[in-house]
């Protein structure tokens, strides 16, 4: 799992990078080891805009958040991404037939 970070109109700081990497590491349980993430942090019109694009399992997931505080925007961004990845993982598991299997009939309905 790798995370590439890009800064726009913002100076790169270690505290921001460490926070982003810690939050990205929490997504590990939903991602394959070869997953790639690109994160863009920018300041536009005194608002922090954070965008995250993750490629995993042959699919691309994109989330964008905007807030006055950079830390708040990052937290909401990773929470939203976690929700998306959790739903995707549940769908993949359901698709395999582990849940929602049709009940086998006893054959009486077929005779009528």
PDB file of N, CA and C in Angstrom:
ATOM      1  N   UNK A   1       0.835  -1.170   0.000  1.00  0.00           N
ATOM      2  CA  UNK A   1       0.000   0.000   0.000  1.00  0.00           C
ATOM      3  C   UNK A   1       0.882   1.237   0.000  1.00  0.00           C
ATOM      4  N   UNK A   2       0.725   2.043  -0.995  1.00  0.00           N
ATOM      5  CA  UNK A   2       1.528   3.257  -1.070  1.00  0.00           C
ATOM      6  C   UNK A   2       0.602   4.467  -1.180  1.00  0.00           C
ATOM      7  N   UNK A   3       1.052   5.575  -0.620  1.00  0.00           N
ATOM      8  CA  UNK A   3       0.294   6.818  -0.663  1.00  0.00           C
ATOM      9  C   UNK A   3       1.201   7.908  -1.209  1.00  0.00           C
ATOM     10  N   UNK A   4       0.788   8.510  -2.307  1.00  0.00           N
ATOM     11  CA  UNK A   4       1.526   9.612  -2.914  1.00  0.00           C
ATOM     12  C   UNK A   4       0.771  10.901  -2.593  1.00  0.00           C
ATOM     13  N   UNK A   5       1.499  11.900  -2.099  1.00  0.00           N
ATOM     14  CA  UNK A   5       0.858  13.148  -1.692  1.00  0.00           C
ATOM     15  C   UNK A   5       1.343  14.308  -2.544  1.00  0.00           C
ATOM     16  N   UNK A   6       0.389  15.177  -2.923  1.00  0.00           N
ATOM     17  CA  UNK A   6       0.682  16.371  -3.700  1.00  0.00           C
ATOM     18  C   UNK A   6       0.099  17.563  -2.952  1.00  0.00           C
ATOM     19  N   UNK A   7       0.896  18.630  -2.860  1.00  0.00           N
ATOM     20  CA  UNK A   7       0.467  19.839  -2.164  1.00  0.00           C
ATOM     21  C   UNK A   7       0.306  20.967  -3.178  1.00  0.00           C
ATOM     22  N   UNK A   8      -0.814  21.705  -3.077  1.00  0.00           N
ATOM     23  CA  UNK A   8      -1.059  22.848  -3.952  1.00  0.00           C
ATOM     24  C   UNK A   8      -1.400  24.050  -3.067  1.00  0.00           C
ATOM     25  N   UNK A   9      -0.695  25.133  -3.284  1.00  0.00           N
ATOM     26  CA  UNK A   9      -0.889  26.353  -2.499  1.00  0.00           C
ATOM     27  C   UNK A   9      -0.719  26.094  -1.001  1.00  0.00           C
ATOM     28  N   UNK A  10       0.141  25.163  -0.669  1.00  0.00           N
ATOM     29  CA  UNK A  10       0.327  24.738   0.705  1.00  0.00           C
ATOM     30  C   UNK A  10       1.741  24.212   0.858  1.00  0.00           C
ATOM     31  N   UNK A  11       2.385  24.530   1.959  1.00  0.00           N
ATOM     32  CA  UNK A  11       3.741  24.046   2.217  1.00  0.00           C
ATOM     33  C   UNK A  11       3.658  22.639   2.816  1.00  0.00           C
ATOM     34  N   UNK A  12       4.473  21.749   2.319  1.00  0.00           N
ATOM     35  CA  UNK A  12       4.496  20.374   2.818  1.00  0.00           C
ATOM     36  C   UNK A  12       5.079  20.359   4.225  1.00  0.00           C
ATOM     37  N   UNK A  13       4.345  19.735   5.145  1.00  0.00           N
ATOM     38  CA  UNK A  13       4.809  19.605   6.522  1.00  0.00           C
ATOM     39  C   UNK A  13       4.776  18.142   6.915  1.00  0.00           C
ATOM     40  N   UNK A  14       5.722  17.765   7.766  1.00  0.00           N
ATOM     41  CA  UNK A  14       5.793  16.374   8.217  1.00  0.00           C
ATOM     42  C   UNK A  14       4.557  15.976   9.014  1.00  0.00           C
ATOM     43  N   UNK A  15       4.012  16.899   9.792  1.00  0.00           N
ATOM     44  CA  UNK A  15       2.847  16.563  10.613  1.00  0.00           C
ATOM     45  C   UNK A  15       1.646  16.199   9.737  1.00  0.00           C
ATOM     46  N   UNK A  16       1.469  16.894   8.625  1.00  0.00           N
ATOM     47  CA  UNK A  16       0.373  16.586   7.701  1.00  0.00           C
ATOM     48  C   UNK A  16       0.603  15.224   7.061  1.00  0.00           C
ATOM     49  N   UNK A  17       1.828  14.977   6.607  1.00  0.00           N
ATOM     50  CA  UNK A  17       2.149  13.707   5.960  1.00  0.00           C
ATOM     51  C   UNK A  17       1.964  12.536   6.923  1.00  0.00           C
ATOM     52  N   UNK A  18       2.438  12.689   8.162  1.00  0.00           N
ATOM     53  CA  UNK A  18       2.312  11.611   9.140  1.00  0.00           C
ATOM     54  C   UNK A  18       0.847  11.322   9.465  1.00  0.00           C
ATOM     55  N   UNK A  19       0.048  12.377   9.597  1.00  0.00           N
ATOM     56  CA  UNK A  19      -1.383  12.199   9.884  1.00  0.00           C
ATOM     57  C   UNK A  19      -2.069  11.466   8.732  1.00  0.00           C
ATOM     58  N   UNK A  20      -1.767  11.867   7.505  1.00  0.00           N
ATOM     59  CA  UNK A  20      -2.372  11.222   6.336  1.00  0.00           C
ATOM     60  C   UNK A  20      -1.955   9.757   6.235  1.00  0.00           C
ATOM     61  N   UNK A  21      -0.696   9.461   6.481  1.00  0.00           N
ATOM     62  CA  UNK A  21      -0.228   8.076   6.399  1.00  0.00           C
ATOM     63  C   UNK A  21      -0.844   7.217   7.498  1.00  0.00           C
ATOM     64  N   UNK A  22      -1.037   7.787   8.684  1.00  0.00           N
ATOM     65  CA  UNK A  22      -1.667   7.038   9.770  1.00  0.00           C
ATOM     66  C   UNK A  22      -3.124   6.718   9.438  1.00  0.00           C
ATOM     67  N   UNK A  23      -3.839   7.680   8.886  1.00  0.00           N
ATOM     68  CA  UNK A  23      -5.228   7.447   8.501  1.00  0.00           C
ATOM     69  C   UNK A  23      -5.326   6.465   7.339  1.00  0.00           C
ATOM     70  N   UNK A  24      -4.399   6.562   6.387  1.00  0.00           N
ATOM     71  CA  UNK A  24      -4.390   5.654   5.237  1.00  0.00           C
ATOM     72  C   UNK A  24      -4.095   4.217   5.688  1.00  0.00           C
ATOM     73  N   UNK A  25      -3.249   4.073   6.703  1.00  0.00           N
ATOM     74  CA  UNK A  25      -2.909   2.739   7.211  1.00  0.00           C
ATOM     75  C   UNK A  25      -4.139   2.045   7.800  1.00  0.00           C
ATOM     76  N   UNK A  26      -5.079   2.819   8.309  1.00  0.00           N
ATOM     77  CA  UNK A  26      -6.295   2.223   8.869  1.00  0.00           C
ATOM     78  C   UNK A  26      -7.182   1.609   7.791  1.00  0.00           C
ATOM     79  N   UNK A  27      -6.998   2.028   6.550  1.00  0.00           N
ATOM     80  CA  UNK A  27      -7.775   1.468   5.439  1.00  0.00           C
ATOM     81  C   UNK A  27      -7.222   0.125   4.974  1.00  0.00           C
ATOM     82  N   UNK A  28      -6.136  -0.318   5.566  1.00  0.00           N
ATOM     83  CA  UNK A  28      -5.430  -1.523   5.124  1.00  0.00           C
ATOM     84  C   UNK A  28      -6.317  -2.757   5.107  1.00  0.00           C
ATOM     85  N   UNK A  29      -7.226  -2.867   6.045  1.00  0.00           N
ATOM     86  CA  UNK A  29      -8.059  -4.074   6.118  1.00  0.00           C
ATOM     87  C   UNK A  29      -9.037  -4.190   4.946  1.00  0.00           C
ATOM     88  N   UNK A  30      -9.257  -3.083   4.225  1.00  0.00           N
ATOM     89  CA  UNK A  30     -10.164  -3.106   3.080  1.00  0.00           C
ATOM     90  C   UNK A  30      -9.426  -3.162   1.750  1.00  0.00           C
ATOM     91  N   UNK A  31      -8.103  -2.987   1.762  1.00  0.00           N
ATOM     92  CA  UNK A  31      -7.331  -2.876   0.531  1.00  0.00           C
ATOM     93  C   UNK A  31      -6.384  -4.053   0.368  1.00  0.00           C
ATOM     94  N   UNK A  32      -6.045  -4.344  -0.863  1.00  0.00           N
ATOM     95  CA  UNK A  32      -5.045  -5.361  -1.148  1.00  0.00           C
ATOM     96  C   UNK A  32      -3.654  -4.743  -0.950  1.00  0.00           C
ATOM     97  N   UNK A  33      -2.614  -5.543  -0.748  1.00  0.00           N
ATOM     98  CA  UNK A  33      -1.270  -5.002  -0.523  1.00  0.00           C
ATOM     99  C   UNK A  33      -0.736  -4.156  -1.673  1.00  0.00           C
ATOM    100  N   UNK A  34      -1.205  -4.366  -2.882  1.00  0.00           N
ATOM    101  CA  UNK A  34      -0.716  -3.623  -4.043  1.00  0.00           C
ATOM    102  C   UNK A  34      -1.550  -2.367  -4.319  1.00  0.00           C
ATOM    103  N   UNK A  35      -2.396  -1.970  -3.383  1.00  0.00           N
ATOM    104  CA  UNK A  35      -3.250  -0.796  -3.592  1.00  0.00           C
ATOM    105  C   UNK A  35      -2.414   0.477  -3.649  1.00  0.00           C
ATOM    106  N   UNK A  36      -2.874   1.417  -4.452  1.00  0.00           N
ATOM    107  CA  UNK A  36      -2.179   2.694  -4.605  1.00  0.00           C
ATOM    108  C   UNK A  36      -3.132   3.819  -4.272  1.00  0.00           C
ATOM    109  N   UNK A  37      -2.604   4.841  -3.607  1.00  0.00           N
ATOM    110  CA  UNK A  37      -3.415   6.002  -3.265  1.00  0.00           C
ATOM    111  C   UNK A  37      -2.714   7.287  -3.675  1.00  0.00           C
ATOM    112  N   UNK A  38      -3.480   8.221  -4.207  1.00  0.00           N
ATOM    113  CA  UNK A  38      -2.968   9.545  -4.548  1.00  0.00           C
ATOM    114  C   UNK A  38      -3.822  10.554  -3.785  1.00  0.00           C
ATOM    115  N   UNK A  39      -3.148  11.408  -3.026  1.00  0.00           N
ATOM    116  CA  UNK A  39      -3.839  12.390  -2.211  1.00  0.00           C
ATOM    117  C   UNK A  39      -3.382  13.784  -2.616  1.00  0.00           C
ATOM    118  N   UNK A  40      -4.344  14.683  -2.850  1.00  0.00           N
ATOM    119  CA  UNK A  40      -4.043  16.060  -3.221  1.00  0.00           C
ATOM    120  C   UNK A  40      -4.597  16.956  -2.127  1.00  0.00           C
ATOM    121  N   UNK A  41      -3.720  17.757  -1.518  1.00  0.00           N
ATOM    122  CA  UNK A  41      -4.113  18.715  -0.496  1.00  0.00           C
ATOM    123  C   UNK A  41      -3.922  20.106  -1.070  1.00  0.00           C
ATOM    124  N   UNK A  42      -4.957  20.924  -0.984  1.00  0.00           N
ATOM    125  CA  UNK A  42      -4.831  22.273  -1.527  1.00  0.00           C
ATOM    126  C   UNK A  42      -5.642  23.253  -0.689  1.00  0.00           C
ATOM    127  N   UNK A  43      -5.266  24.513  -0.803  1.00  0.00           N
ATOM    128  CA  UNK A  43      -6.005  25.601  -0.164  1.00  0.00           C
ATOM    129  C   UNK A  43      -6.571  26.462  -1.281  1.00  0.00           C
ATOM    130  N   UNK A  44      -7.897  26.599  -1.311  1.00  0.00           N
ATOM    131  CA  UNK A  44      -8.561  27.400  -2.334  1.00  0.00           C
ATOM    132  C   UNK A  44      -9.592  28.294  -1.654  1.00  0.00           C
ATOM    133  N   UNK A  45      -9.436  29.595  -1.814  1.00  0.00           N
ATOM    134  CA  UNK A  45     -10.367  30.563  -1.241  1.00  0.00           C
ATOM    135  C   UNK A  45     -10.532  30.356   0.263  1.00  0.00           C
ATOM    136  N   UNK A  46      -9.431  30.207   0.958  1.00  0.00           N
ATOM    137  CA  UNK A  46      -9.337  30.004   2.410  1.00  0.00           C
ATOM    138  C   UNK A  46     -10.049  28.740   2.893  1.00  0.00           C
ATOM    139  N   UNK A  47     -10.249  27.784   2.007  1.00  0.00           N
ATOM    140  CA  UNK A  47     -10.837  26.497   2.366  1.00  0.00           C
ATOM    141  C   UNK A  47      -9.845  25.395   2.017  1.00  0.00           C
ATOM    142  N   UNK A  48      -9.740  24.420   2.899  1.00  0.00           N
ATOM    143  CA  UNK A  48      -8.884  23.267   2.647  1.00  0.00           C
ATOM    144  C   UNK A  48      -9.666  22.262   1.805  1.00  0.00           C
ATOM    145  N   UNK A  49      -9.087  21.870   0.693  1.00  0.00           N
ATOM    146  CA  UNK A  49      -9.705  20.882  -0.197  1.00  0.00           C
ATOM    147  C   UNK A  49      -8.778  19.675  -0.250  1.00  0.00           C
ATOM    148  N   UNK A  50      -9.318  18.519   0.102  1.00  0.00           N
ATOM    149  CA  UNK A  50      -8.532  17.292   0.139  1.00  0.00           C
ATOM    150  C   UNK A  50      -9.208  16.274  -0.767  1.00  0.00           C
ATOM    151  N   UNK A  51      -8.424  15.657  -1.647  1.00  0.00           N
ATOM    152  CA  UNK A  51      -8.949  14.671  -2.591  1.00  0.00           C
ATOM    153  C   UNK A  51      -8.111  13.406  -2.478  1.00  0.00           C
ATOM    154  N   UNK A  52      -8.780  12.257  -2.444  1.00  0.00           N
ATOM    155  CA  UNK A  52      -8.091  10.971  -2.341  1.00  0.00           C
ATOM    156  C   UNK A  52      -8.626  10.042  -3.410  1.00  0.00           C
ATOM    157  N   UNK A  53      -7.710   9.454  -4.183  1.00  0.00           N
ATOM    158  CA  UNK A  53      -8.056   8.469  -5.205  1.00  0.00           C
ATOM    159  C   UNK A  53      -7.305   7.187  -4.865  1.00  0.00           C
ATOM    160  N   UNK A  54      -8.049   6.103  -4.671  1.00  0.00           N
ATOM    161  CA  UNK A  54      -7.459   4.811  -4.309  1.00  0.00           C
ATOM    162  C   UNK A  54      -7.808   3.804  -5.391  1.00  0.00           C
ATOM    163  N   UNK A  55      -6.811   3.055  -5.844  1.00  0.00           N
ATOM    164  CA  UNK A  55      -7.010   1.993  -6.818  1.00  0.00           C
ATOM    165  C   UNK A  55      -6.709   0.662  -6.142  1.00  0.00           C
ATOM    166  N   UNK A  56      -7.714  -0.206  -6.098  1.00  0.00           N
ATOM    167  CA  UNK A  56      -7.572  -1.501  -5.438  1.00  0.00           C
ATOM    168  C   UNK A  56      -8.578  -2.474  -6.037  1.00  0.00           C
ATOM    169  N   UNK A  57      -8.215  -3.730  -6.132  1.00  0.00           N
ATOM    170  CA  UNK A  57      -9.087  -4.776  -6.664  1.00  0.00           C
ATOM    171  C   UNK A  57      -9.619  -4.423  -8.047  1.00  0.00           C
ATOM    172  N   UNK A  58      -8.823  -3.716  -8.831  1.00  0.00           N
ATOM    173  CA  UNK A  58      -9.226  -3.363 -10.181  1.00  0.00           C
ATOM    174  C   UNK A  58     -10.251  -2.245 -10.259  1.00  0.00           C
ATOM    175  N   UNK A  59     -10.538  -1.591  -9.133  1.00  0.00           N
ATOM    176  CA  UNK A  59     -11.509  -0.504  -9.120  1.00  0.00           C
ATOM    177  C   UNK A  59     -10.850   0.763  -8.600  1.00  0.00           C
ATOM    178  N   UNK A  60     -11.428   1.903  -8.961  1.00  0.00           N
ATOM    179  CA  UNK A  60     -10.927   3.196  -8.511  1.00  0.00           C
ATOM    180  C   UNK A  60     -11.991   3.863  -7.662  1.00  0.00           C
ATOM    181  N   UNK A  61     -11.588   4.329  -6.496  1.00  0.00           N
ATOM    182  CA  UNK A  61     -12.484   5.011  -5.566  1.00  0.00           C
ATOM    183  C   UNK A  61     -11.974   6.434  -5.387  1.00  0.00           C
ATOM    184  N   UNK A  62     -12.892   7.411  -5.475  1.00  0.00           N
ATOM    185  CA  UNK A  62     -12.494   8.808  -5.367  1.00  0.00           C
ATOM    186  C   UNK A  62     -13.390   9.511  -4.358  1.00  0.00           C
ATOM    187  N   UNK A  63     -12.752  10.274  -3.454  1.00  0.00           N
ATOM    188  CA  UNK A  63     -13.484  11.039  -2.449  1.00  0.00           C
ATOM    189  C   UNK A  63     -12.852  12.419  -2.369  1.00  0.00           C
ATOM    190  N   UNK A  64     -13.688  13.446  -2.223  1.00  0.00           N
ATOM    191  CA  UNK A  64     -13.194  14.807  -2.077  1.00  0.00           C
ATOM    192  C   UNK A  64     -13.944  15.476  -0.933  1.00  0.00           C
ATOM    193  N   UNK A  65     -13.219  16.163  -0.059  1.00  0.00           N
ATOM    194  CA  UNK A  65     -13.814  16.881   1.069  1.00  0.00           C
ATOM    195  C   UNK A  65     -13.270  18.295   1.115  1.00  0.00           C
ATOM    196  N   UNK A  66     -14.088  19.201   1.635  1.00  0.00           N
ATOM    197  CA  UNK A  66     -13.707  20.601   1.736  1.00  0.00           C
ATOM    198  C   UNK A  66     -14.147  21.124   3.102  1.00  0.00           C
ATOM    199  N   UNK A  67     -13.259  21.838   3.793  1.00  0.00           N
ATOM    200  CA  UNK A  67     -13.571  22.391   5.106  1.00  0.00           C
ATOM    201  C   UNK A  67     -12.634  23.554   5.384  1.00  0.00           C
ATOM    202  N   UNK A  68     -12.975  24.353   6.365  1.00  0.00           N
ATOM    203  CA  UNK A  68     -12.108  25.471   6.735  1.00  0.00           C
ATOM    204  C   UNK A  68     -10.826  24.974   7.407  1.00  0.00           C
ATOM    205  N   UNK A  69     -10.884  23.845   8.087  1.00  0.00           N
ATOM    206  CA  UNK A  69      -9.729  23.258   8.761  1.00  0.00           C
ATOM    207  C   UNK A  69      -9.208  22.061   7.963  1.00  0.00           C
ATOM    208  N   UNK A  70      -7.915  22.020   7.743  1.00  0.00           N
ATOM    209  CA  UNK A  70      -7.307  20.929   6.978  1.00  0.00           C
ATOM    210  C   UNK A  70      -7.474  19.592   7.692  1.00  0.00           C
ATOM    211  N   UNK A  71      -7.251  19.575   8.989  1.00  0.00           N
ATOM    212  CA  UNK A  71      -7.341  18.331   9.764  1.00  0.00           C
ATOM    213  C   UNK A  71      -8.769  17.762   9.720  1.00  0.00           C
ATOM    214  N   UNK A  72      -9.766  18.625   9.846  1.00  0.00           N
ATOM    215  CA  UNK A  72     -11.156  18.184   9.791  1.00  0.00           C
ATOM    216  C   UNK A  72     -11.499  17.620   8.414  1.00  0.00           C
ATOM    217  N   UNK A  73     -11.021  18.286   7.377  1.00  0.00           N
ATOM    218  CA  UNK A  73     -11.269  17.806   6.013  1.00  0.00           C
ATOM    219  C   UNK A  73     -10.637  16.432   5.803  1.00  0.00           C
ATOM    220  N   UNK A  74      -9.418  16.244   6.318  1.00  0.00           N
ATOM    221  CA  UNK A  74      -8.746  14.941   6.174  1.00  0.00           C
ATOM    222  C   UNK A  74      -9.496  13.854   6.930  1.00  0.00           C
ATOM    223  N   UNK A  75      -9.939  14.140   8.144  1.00  0.00           N
ATOM    224  CA  UNK A  75     -10.667  13.145   8.928  1.00  0.00           C
ATOM    225  C   UNK A  75     -11.963  12.730   8.237  1.00  0.00           C
ATOM    226  N   UNK A  76     -12.720  13.706   7.739  1.00  0.00           N
ATOM    227  CA  UNK A  76     -13.961  13.393   7.040  1.00  0.00           C
ATOM    228  C   UNK A  76     -13.696  12.627   5.749  1.00  0.00           C
ATOM    229  N   UNK A  77     -12.614  12.987   5.058  1.00  0.00           N
ATOM    230  CA  UNK A  77     -12.248  12.311   3.817  1.00  0.00           C
ATOM    231  C   UNK A  77     -11.984  10.828   4.059  1.00  0.00           C
ATOM    232  N   UNK A  78     -11.180  10.520   5.068  1.00  0.00           N
ATOM    233  CA  UNK A  78     -10.855   9.120   5.328  1.00  0.00           C
ATOM    234  C   UNK A  78     -12.052   8.360   5.887  1.00  0.00           C
ATOM    235  N   UNK A  79     -12.924   9.026   6.619  1.00  0.00           N
ATOM    236  CA  UNK A  79     -14.134   8.364   7.103  1.00  0.00           C
ATOM    237  C   UNK A  79     -15.043   7.988   5.925  1.00  0.00           C
ATOM    238  N   UNK A  80     -15.195   8.897   4.979  1.00  0.00           N
ATOM    239  CA  UNK A  80     -16.005   8.630   3.795  1.00  0.00           C
ATOM    240  C   UNK A  80     -15.396   7.512   2.950  1.00  0.00           C
ATOM    241  N   UNK A  81     -14.069   7.544   2.780  1.00  0.00           N
ATOM    242  CA  UNK A  81     -13.396   6.498   2.005  1.00  0.00           C
ATOM    243  C   UNK A  81     -13.549   5.146   2.686  1.00  0.00           C
ATOM    244  N   UNK A  82     -13.439   5.103   4.003  1.00  0.00           N
ATOM    245  CA  UNK A  82     -13.609   3.847   4.731  1.00  0.00           C
ATOM    246  C   UNK A  82     -15.013   3.284   4.502  1.00  0.00           C
ATOM    247  N   UNK A  83     -16.026   4.146   4.518  1.00  0.00           N
ATOM    248  CA  UNK A  83     -17.398   3.699   4.264  1.00  0.00           C
ATOM    249  C   UNK A  83     -17.541   3.119   2.860  1.00  0.00           C
ATOM    250  N   UNK A  84     -16.958   3.784   1.867  1.00  0.00           N
ATOM    251  CA  UNK A  84     -17.013   3.291   0.488  1.00  0.00           C
ATOM    252  C   UNK A  84     -16.330   1.928   0.355  1.00  0.00           C
ATOM    253  N   UNK A  85     -15.141   1.816   0.949  1.00  0.00           N
ATOM    254  CA  UNK A  85     -14.395   0.559   0.846  1.00  0.00           C
ATOM    255  C   UNK A  85     -15.091  -0.568   1.600  1.00  0.00           C
ATOM    256  N   UNK A  86     -15.704  -0.259   2.726  1.00  0.00           N
ATOM    257  CA  UNK A  86     -16.437  -1.272   3.498  1.00  0.00           C
ATOM    258  C   UNK A  86     -17.618  -1.802   2.688  1.00  0.00           C
ATOM    259  N   UNK A  87     -18.389  -0.894   2.066  1.00  0.00           N
ATOM    260  CA  UNK A  87     -19.525  -1.321   1.233  1.00  0.00           C
ATOM    261  C   UNK A  87     -19.052  -2.176   0.067  1.00  0.00           C
ATOM    262  N   UNK A  88     -17.943  -1.785  -0.546  1.00  0.00           N
ATOM    263  CA  UNK A  88     -17.414  -2.533  -1.681  1.00  0.00           C
ATOM    264  C   UNK A  88     -16.987  -3.935  -1.261  1.00  0.00           C
ATOM    265  N   UNK A  89     -16.355  -4.034  -0.114  1.00  0.00           N
ATOM    266  CA  UNK A  89     -15.904  -5.339   0.380  1.00  0.00           C
ATOM    267  C   UNK A  89     -17.109  -6.227   0.692  1.00  0.00           C
ATOM    268  N   UNK A  90     -18.155  -5.651   1.285  1.00  0.00           N
ATOM    269  CA  UNK A  90     -19.359  -6.423   1.575  1.00  0.00           C
ATOM    270  C   UNK A  90     -20.021  -6.913   0.294  1.00  0.00           C
ATOM    271  N   UNK A  91     -20.033  -6.071  -0.730  1.00  0.00           N
ATOM    272  CA  UNK A  91     -20.611  -6.484  -2.015  1.00  0.00           C
ATOM    273  C   UNK A  91     -19.818  -7.622  -2.639  1.00  0.00           C
ATOM    274  N   UNK A  92     -18.484  -7.536  -2.567  1.00  0.00           N
ATOM    275  CA  UNK A  92     -17.660  -8.611  -3.122  1.00  0.00           C
ATOM    276  C   UNK A  92     -17.935  -9.917  -2.399  1.00  0.00           C
ATOM    277  N   UNK A  93     -18.091  -9.875  -1.094  1.00  0.00           N
ATOM    278  CA  UNK A  93     -18.359 -11.087  -0.328  1.00  0.00           C
ATOM    279  C   UNK A  93     -19.752 -11.620  -0.616  1.00  0.00           C
ATOM    280  N   UNK A  94     -20.758 -10.728  -0.739  1.00  0.00           N
ATOM    281  CA  UNK A  94     -22.118 -11.153  -1.056  1.00  0.00           C
ATOM    282  C   UNK A  94     -22.191 -11.773  -2.443  1.00  0.00           C
ATOM    283  N   UNK A  95     -21.394 -11.243  -3.358  1.00  0.00           N
ATOM    284  CA  UNK A  95     -21.409 -11.729  -4.731  1.00  0.00           C
ATOM    285  C   UNK A  95     -20.969 -13.185  -4.812  1.00  0.00           C
ATOM    286  N   UNK A  96     -20.156 -13.611  -3.892  1.00  0.00           N
ATOM    287  CA  UNK A  96     -19.668 -14.985  -3.894  1.00  0.00           C
ATOM    288  C   UNK A  96     -20.719 -15.973  -3.413  1.00  0.00           C
ATOM    289  N   UNK A  97     -21.839 -15.485  -2.937  1.00  0.00           N
ATOM    290  CA  UNK A  97     -22.928 -16.381  -2.559  1.00  0.00           C
ATOM    291  C   UNK A  97     -22.930 -16.785  -1.108  1.00  0.00           C
ATOM    292  N   UNK A  98     -22.198 -16.094  -0.280  1.00  0.00           N
ATOM    293  CA  UNK A  98     -22.176 -16.460   1.137  1.00  0.00           C
ATOM    294  C   UNK A  98     -23.448 -16.026   1.855  1.00  0.00           C
ATOM    295  N   UNK A  99     -24.085 -15.000   1.354  1.00  0.00           N
ATOM    296  CA  UNK A  99     -25.312 -14.498   1.965  1.00  0.00           C
ATOM    297  C   UNK A  99     -26.397 -14.456   0.909  1.00  0.00           C
ATOM    298  N   UNK A 100     -27.610 -14.321   1.377  1.00  0.00           N
ATOM    299  CA  UNK A 100     -28.760 -14.137   0.502  1.00  0.00           C
ATOM    300  C   UNK A 100     -28.954 -15.277  -0.498  1.00  0.00           C
ATOM    301  N   UNK A 101     -28.627 -16.490  -0.091  1.00  0.00           N
ATOM    302  CA  UNK A 101     -28.896 -17.630  -0.972  1.00  0.00           C
ATOM    303  C   UNK A 101     -30.386 -17.939  -0.941  1.00  0.00           C
ATOM    304  N   UNK A 102     -30.962 -18.283  -2.071  1.00  0.00           N
ATOM    305  CA  UNK A 102     -32.382 -18.641  -2.070  1.00  0.00           C
ATOM    306  C   UNK A 102     -32.586 -19.954  -1.312  1.00  0.00           C
ATOM    307  N   UNK A 103     -33.703 -20.043  -0.627  1.00  0.00           N
ATOM    308  CA  UNK A 103     -34.023 -21.260   0.115  1.00  0.00           C
ATOM    309  C   UNK A 103     -34.412 -22.361  -0.863  1.00  0.00           C
ATOM    310  N   UNK A 104     -33.971 -23.564  -0.557  1.00  0.00           N
ATOM    311  CA  UNK A 104     -34.339 -24.694  -1.410  1.00  0.00           C
ATOM    312  C   UNK A 104     -35.774 -25.081  -1.102  1.00  0.00           C
ATOM    313  N   UNK A 105     -36.568 -25.285  -2.126  1.00  0.00           N
ATOM    314  CA  UNK A 105     -37.967 -25.670  -1.921  1.00  0.00           C
ATOM    315  C   UNK A 105     -38.051 -27.182  -1.775  1.00  0.00           C
ATOM    316  N   UNK A 106     -39.146 -27.612  -1.236  1.00  0.00           N
ATOM    317  CA  UNK A 106     -39.325 -29.068  -1.045  1.00  0.00           C
ATOM    318  C   UNK A 106     -39.864 -29.742  -2.291  1.00  0.00           C
ATOM    319  N   UNK A 107     -40.142 -28.984  -3.363  1.00  0.00           N
ATOM    320  CA  UNK A 107     -40.575 -29.567  -4.603  1.00  0.00           C
ATOM    321  C   UNK A 107     -42.088 -29.610  -4.776  1.00  0.00           C
ATOM    322  N   UNK A 108     -42.868 -29.308  -3.737  1.00  0.00           N
ATOM    323  CA  UNK A 108     -44.322 -29.336  -3.842  1.00  0.00           C
ATOM    324  C   UNK A 108     -44.853 -28.218  -4.718  1.00  0.00           C
ATOM    325  N   UNK A 109     -44.241 -27.086  -4.696  1.00  0.00           N
ATOM    326  CA  UNK A 109     -44.714 -25.947  -5.498  1.00  0.00           C
ATOM    327  C   UNK A 109     -44.495 -26.211  -6.979  1.00  0.00           C
ATOM    328  N   UNK A 110     -43.529 -27.011  -7.300  1.00  0.00           N
ATOM    329  CA  UNK A 110     -43.242 -27.290  -8.708  1.00  0.00           C
ATOM    330  C   UNK A 110     -44.275 -28.225  -9.319  1.00  0.00           C
ATOM    331  N   UNK A 111     -44.889 -29.052  -8.507  1.00  0.00           N
ATOM    332  CA  UNK A 111     -45.870 -30.013  -9.020  1.00  0.00           C
ATOM    333  C   UNK A 111     -47.219 -29.373  -9.318  1.00  0.00           C
ATOM    334  N   UNK A 112     -47.513 -28.281  -8.670  1.00  0.00           N
ATOM    335  CA  UNK A 112     -48.854 -27.656  -8.823  1.00  0.00           C
ATOM    336  C   UNK A 112     -49.013 -26.936 -10.126  1.00  0.00           C
TER     337      UNK A 112
END
